[in-house]
Amino acid sequence: MKRENNNNRSRMTREAFRRRKQPFYKKKSFLISIILILVIIIGLFIIWKVNSSNNSNNESTEQTTHKIEKVKPKKTTKKKKTTKKANKAEKVTKEQPEQKVQKQEEPKQEVKIQNPGTYNDLVYDTDWYTFKISNEVKLIKDANGDAALMVKYNYTNKTNSNEVPQQVQNNAIMLKQNDQQLSPTTATGDNASLINSTNSGQVLPGKSFDGALLVKVNDTTSEVTMYFKNIQTNAWLDSTQPLKLD
């Protein structure tokens, strides 16, 4: 037993001696230090790689921002072109109304009136119409039973359109009594058809019509005066026609 123990001890001492005699690159401490150095180098390389990638990303973002800033002025130039087109459109729309106004302002050819109005021997004549006043003047009762004066006439239409005799007569002929203008009234009985046809019937161009006017009078004895208009000046002619009621 003692010999075995001694042998074991000798073996241990031999192995320790051998370890001491080994070269440094085969020792565990050297290998461990090299591994640590490699790990540190690899870690530093990884950190450097990450930083370089971040820097490249920042540079790329800066380049993209610069590119965006360069594009902005191009958009503004396009807007300016559209505004010019809009101005051109405004000029066109402004010129068109001016042309229309010029066309509207062209003077119309005035119709020359040769006979603005004359009255002689119960005939009232103009370029537009002729009234021939009848000698038959009557005092009758209107639809309300009041005193009224009826004057018959013959009307000739000289215009190019249909005309209502009562409308022409009401504008061109005026009757006064005691300096008061007499107003038209409605008829009844046998005279109603004549007055109604005069008030509503139309006379063709170049045709004549036998009609009558009917005005209410306040005095059955005072004279009534008939006035005639100048169609050019709208003034009343100096020539008048007196109508006696007695």
Protein backbone atom coordinates (compact mmCIF):
# COMPACT_ATOMS: atom_id res chain seq x y z
CA MET A 1 0.00 0.00 0.00
CA LYS A 2 2.77 2.40 0.82
CA ARG A 3 4.40 1.70 -2.50
CA GLU A 4 1.20 2.52 -4.41
CA ASN A 5 0.86 5.82 -2.60
CA ASN A 6 4.42 6.70 -3.31
CA ASN A 7 3.95 5.85 -6.94
CA ASN A 8 0.87 8.08 -7.14
CA ARG A 9 2.73 10.95 -5.60
CA SER A 10 5.55 10.57 -7.99
CA ARG A 11 3.11 10.63 -10.88
CA MET A 12 1.53 13.88 -9.61
CA THR A 13 4.82 15.56 -9.27
CA ARG A 14 5.79 14.46 -12.75
CA GLU A 15 2.59 15.87 -14.27
CA ALA A 16 3.02 19.17 -12.46
CA PHE A 17 6.55 19.36 -13.65
CA ARG A 18 5.48 18.63 -17.17
CA ARG A 19 2.90 21.42 -16.97
CA ARG A 20 5.50 23.84 -15.83
CA LYS A 21 7.74 22.77 -18.64
CA GLN A 22 4.97 23.26 -21.29
CA PRO A 23 5.32 26.29 -23.68
CA PHE A 24 3.23 29.35 -22.85
CA TYR A 25 0.86 29.02 -25.85
CA LYS A 26 -0.24 25.59 -24.59
CA LYS A 27 -1.09 26.84 -21.12
CA LYS A 28 -4.75 27.31 -20.16
CA SER A 29 -4.20 30.84 -18.87
CA PHE A 30 -2.82 31.93 -22.24
CA LEU A 31 -5.66 30.33 -24.10
CA ILE A 32 -8.25 31.95 -21.83
CA SER A 33 -6.66 35.39 -22.25
CA ILE A 34 -6.63 34.99 -26.05
CA ILE A 35 -10.28 33.99 -26.03
CA LEU A 36 -11.13 37.07 -23.93
CA ILE A 37 -9.19 39.32 -26.32
CA LEU A 38 -11.01 37.82 -29.30
CA VAL A 39 -14.36 38.34 -27.60
CA ILE A 40 -13.50 41.99 -26.89
CA ILE A 41 -12.32 42.55 -30.48
CA ILE A 42 -15.49 40.97 -31.88
CA GLY A 43 -17.63 43.11 -29.53
CA LEU A 44 -15.81 46.28 -30.61
CA PHE A 45 -16.26 45.32 -34.25
CA ILE A 46 -19.99 44.80 -33.75
CA ILE A 47 -20.32 48.20 -31.98
CA TRP A 48 -18.41 49.92 -34.81
CA LYS A 49 -20.62 48.24 -37.40
CA VAL A 50 -23.78 49.38 -35.63
CA ASN A 51 -22.51 52.97 -35.38
CA SER A 52 -21.49 53.05 -39.03
CA SER A 53 -24.93 51.76 -40.07
CA ASN A 54 -26.63 54.47 -37.96
CA ASN A 55 -24.45 57.15 -39.53
CA SER A 56 -25.29 55.89 -43.01
CA ASN A 57 -29.00 55.98 -42.16
CA ASN A 58 -28.72 59.56 -40.89
CA GLU A 59 -26.91 60.59 -44.07
CA SER A 60 -29.61 58.94 -46.18
CA THR A 61 -32.34 60.76 -44.27
CA GLU A 62 -30.51 64.07 -44.71
CA GLN A 63 -30.24 63.42 -48.43
CA THR A 64 -33.95 62.65 -48.66
CA THR A 65 -34.81 65.86 -46.82
CA HIS A 66 -32.60 67.82 -49.20
CA LYS A 67 -34.35 66.19 -52.12
CA ILE A 68 -37.74 67.21 -50.74
CA GLU A 69 -36.62 70.78 -50.36
CA LYS A 70 -35.49 70.82 -53.99
CA VAL A 71 -38.89 69.54 -55.16
CA LYS A 72 -40.88 72.27 -53.36
CA PRO A 73 -39.89 75.17 -55.63
CA LYS A 74 -40.93 73.12 -58.67
CA LYS A 75 -44.47 72.87 -57.25
CA THR A 76 -44.64 76.62 -56.73
CA THR A 77 -43.65 77.24 -60.35
CA LYS A 78 -46.51 75.00 -61.50
CA LYS A 79 -48.96 77.01 -59.40
CA LYS A 80 -47.74 80.20 -61.05
CA LYS A 81 -48.48 78.73 -64.46
CA THR A 82 -52.02 77.86 -63.42
CA THR A 83 -52.57 81.39 -62.14
CA LYS A 84 -51.49 82.75 -65.52
CA LYS A 85 -54.05 80.53 -67.19
CA ALA A 86 -56.66 81.77 -64.77
CA ASN A 87 -55.77 85.35 -65.59
CA LYS A 88 -56.12 84.59 -69.27
CA ALA A 89 -59.54 83.12 -68.63
CA GLU A 90 -60.54 86.22 -66.68
CA LYS A 91 -59.44 88.42 -69.56
CA VAL A 92 -61.59 86.44 -71.96
CA THR A 93 -64.66 86.66 -69.76
CA LYS A 94 -64.15 90.39 -69.28
CA GLU A 95 -63.78 91.07 -72.99
CA GLN A 96 -66.93 89.16 -73.95
CA PRO A 97 -69.37 91.31 -71.93
CA GLU A 98 -67.80 94.44 -73.40
CA GLN A 99 -68.52 93.17 -76.89
CA LYS A 100 -72.11 92.42 -75.89
CA VAL A 101 -72.52 95.90 -74.46
CA GLN A 102 -71.22 97.44 -77.67
CA LYS A 103 -73.76 95.45 -79.67
CA GLN A 104 -76.59 96.54 -77.39
CA GLU A 105 -75.55 100.18 -77.58
CA GLU A 106 -75.85 100.27 -81.36
CA PRO A 107 -78.46 102.93 -82.13
CA LYS A 108 -81.73 101.73 -83.58
CA GLN A 109 -83.02 103.29 -86.74
CA GLU A 110 -85.72 105.76 -85.80
CA VAL A 111 -89.02 105.64 -87.66
CA LYS A 112 -89.62 108.97 -89.35
CA ILE A 113 -93.10 110.31 -88.67
CA GLN A 114 -94.50 112.36 -91.52
CA ASN A 115 -97.87 113.15 -89.95
CA PRO A 116 -97.69 113.35 -86.12
CA GLY A 117 -101.31 114.47 -85.91
CA THR A 118 -103.78 116.77 -87.64
CA TYR A 119 -107.47 117.49 -87.08
CA ASN A 120 -109.81 119.10 -89.57
CA ASP A 121 -113.53 118.79 -90.31
CA LEU A 122 -114.20 115.88 -87.90
CA VAL A 123 -111.16 113.92 -89.16
CA TYR A 124 -108.25 113.19 -86.82
CA ASP A 125 -105.38 111.76 -88.87
CA THR A 126 -101.83 110.46 -88.09
CA ASP A 127 -99.30 108.03 -89.59
CA TRP A 128 -100.65 105.33 -87.24
CA TYR A 129 -104.42 105.72 -87.46
CA THR A 130 -107.37 107.80 -88.64
CA PHE A 131 -110.52 108.67 -86.67
CA LYS A 132 -113.56 110.01 -88.47
CA ILE A 133 -115.87 111.54 -85.86
CA SER A 134 -119.62 111.11 -86.44
CA ASN A 135 -122.12 113.97 -86.14
CA GLU A 136 -124.28 111.63 -84.09
CA VAL A 137 -123.73 112.62 -80.43
CA LYS A 138 -126.16 111.17 -77.85
CA LEU A 139 -126.82 111.50 -74.17
CA ILE A 140 -127.74 108.06 -72.79
CA LYS A 141 -127.71 106.24 -69.47
CA ASP A 142 -124.81 103.98 -68.59
CA ALA A 143 -124.98 100.62 -66.79
CA ASN A 144 -125.36 102.43 -63.43
CA GLY A 145 -128.21 104.65 -64.69
CA ASP A 146 -126.07 107.80 -64.76
CA ALA A 147 -125.89 110.31 -67.63
CA ALA A 148 -123.28 109.48 -70.28
CA LEU A 149 -122.18 110.86 -73.64
CA MET A 150 -121.76 108.47 -76.58
CA VAL A 151 -119.78 109.56 -79.65
CA LYS A 152 -119.58 107.25 -82.67
CA TYR A 153 -116.55 107.12 -84.98
CA ASN A 154 -114.84 105.14 -87.74
CA TYR A 155 -111.34 103.89 -86.91
CA THR A 156 -108.71 102.85 -89.50
CA ASN A 157 -105.59 100.94 -88.40
CA LYS A 158 -102.45 102.12 -90.28
CA THR A 159 -99.92 100.10 -88.25
CA ASN A 160 -98.50 96.63 -88.98
CA SER A 161 -100.10 94.97 -85.95
CA ASN A 162 -103.59 94.31 -84.61
CA GLU A 163 -104.99 97.17 -82.53
CA VAL A 164 -107.92 97.57 -80.12
CA PRO A 165 -109.87 100.78 -81.03
CA GLN A 166 -110.76 101.71 -77.44
CA GLN A 167 -107.10 101.49 -76.31
CA VAL A 168 -105.95 103.71 -79.19
CA GLN A 169 -108.80 106.19 -78.66
CA ASN A 170 -108.26 106.33 -74.89
CA ASN A 171 -104.60 107.29 -75.46
CA ALA A 172 -105.09 109.66 -78.40
CA ILE A 173 -108.43 111.42 -77.64
CA MET A 174 -109.46 113.25 -74.45
CA LEU A 175 -112.86 114.70 -73.51
CA LYS A 176 -113.27 117.50 -70.97
CA GLN A 177 -116.27 119.24 -69.43
CA ASN A 178 -115.88 122.33 -67.26
CA ASP A 179 -112.07 121.76 -67.32
CA GLN A 180 -112.48 118.28 -65.89
CA GLN A 181 -111.49 115.17 -67.82
CA LEU A 182 -114.34 112.74 -68.34
CA SER A 183 -113.88 109.04 -67.52
CA PRO A 184 -115.09 106.12 -69.65
CA THR A 185 -118.08 104.10 -68.45
CA THR A 186 -119.99 100.94 -69.44
CA ALA A 187 -123.14 100.76 -71.54
CA THR A 188 -126.35 98.80 -71.24
CA GLY A 189 -129.17 97.74 -73.52
CA ASP A 190 -128.82 98.10 -77.29
CA ASN A 191 -125.59 100.14 -77.02
CA ALA A 192 -123.74 97.52 -74.93
CA SER A 193 -122.74 95.35 -77.91
CA LEU A 194 -121.24 98.34 -79.78
CA ILE A 195 -119.26 99.60 -76.79
CA ASN A 196 -118.10 96.09 -75.81
CA SER A 197 -116.86 95.26 -79.33
CA THR A 198 -114.99 98.59 -79.41
CA ASN A 199 -113.37 97.86 -76.04
CA SER A 200 -112.31 94.27 -76.81
CA GLY A 201 -112.28 93.73 -80.60
CA GLN A 202 -109.05 93.88 -82.63
CA VAL A 203 -108.68 95.59 -85.99
CA LEU A 204 -106.27 94.11 -88.52
CA PRO A 205 -103.62 96.31 -90.24
CA GLY A 206 -105.15 98.42 -93.00
CA LYS A 207 -108.72 97.64 -91.86
CA SER A 208 -111.44 99.98 -90.52
CA PHE A 209 -114.00 99.56 -87.75
CA ASP A 210 -117.18 101.41 -86.76
CA GLY A 211 -117.01 101.94 -83.01
CA ALA A 212 -118.00 104.41 -80.31
CA LEU A 213 -116.74 105.92 -77.04
CA LEU A 214 -118.84 106.38 -73.90
CA VAL A 215 -117.94 108.80 -71.08
CA LYS A 216 -119.79 109.78 -67.93
CA VAL A 217 -120.88 113.45 -67.69
CA ASN A 218 -121.64 115.44 -64.56
CA ASP A 219 -123.70 118.12 -66.37
CA THR A 220 -126.16 117.39 -69.17
CA THR A 221 -126.19 121.00 -70.48
CA SER A 222 -122.53 122.11 -70.46
CA GLU A 223 -120.47 121.75 -73.65
CA VAL A 224 -117.91 118.95 -73.94
CA THR A 225 -114.59 119.57 -75.72
CA MET A 226 -112.67 116.86 -77.57
CA TYR A 227 -108.82 117.04 -77.70
CA PHE A 228 -106.40 115.19 -80.02
CA LYS A 229 -102.78 114.19 -79.39
CA ASN A 230 -99.53 114.72 -81.32
CA ILE A 231 -98.06 111.19 -81.48
CA GLN A 232 -94.51 112.52 -81.81
CA THR A 233 -94.44 114.95 -78.87
CA ASN A 234 -97.36 113.53 -76.83
CA ALA A 235 -98.70 117.08 -76.59
CA TRP A 236 -102.32 118.00 -77.33
CA LEU A 237 -103.10 119.70 -80.66
CA ASP A 238 -104.38 123.26 -80.76
CA SER A 239 -107.34 122.08 -82.86
CA THR A 240 -110.27 120.84 -80.78
CA GLN A 241 -113.84 119.74 -81.40
CA PRO A 242 -116.71 121.16 -79.28
CA LEU A 243 -119.68 118.86 -78.62
CA LYS A 244 -123.01 120.42 -77.66
CA LEU A 245 -125.34 118.39 -75.45
CA ASP A 246 -128.68 120.29 -75.86
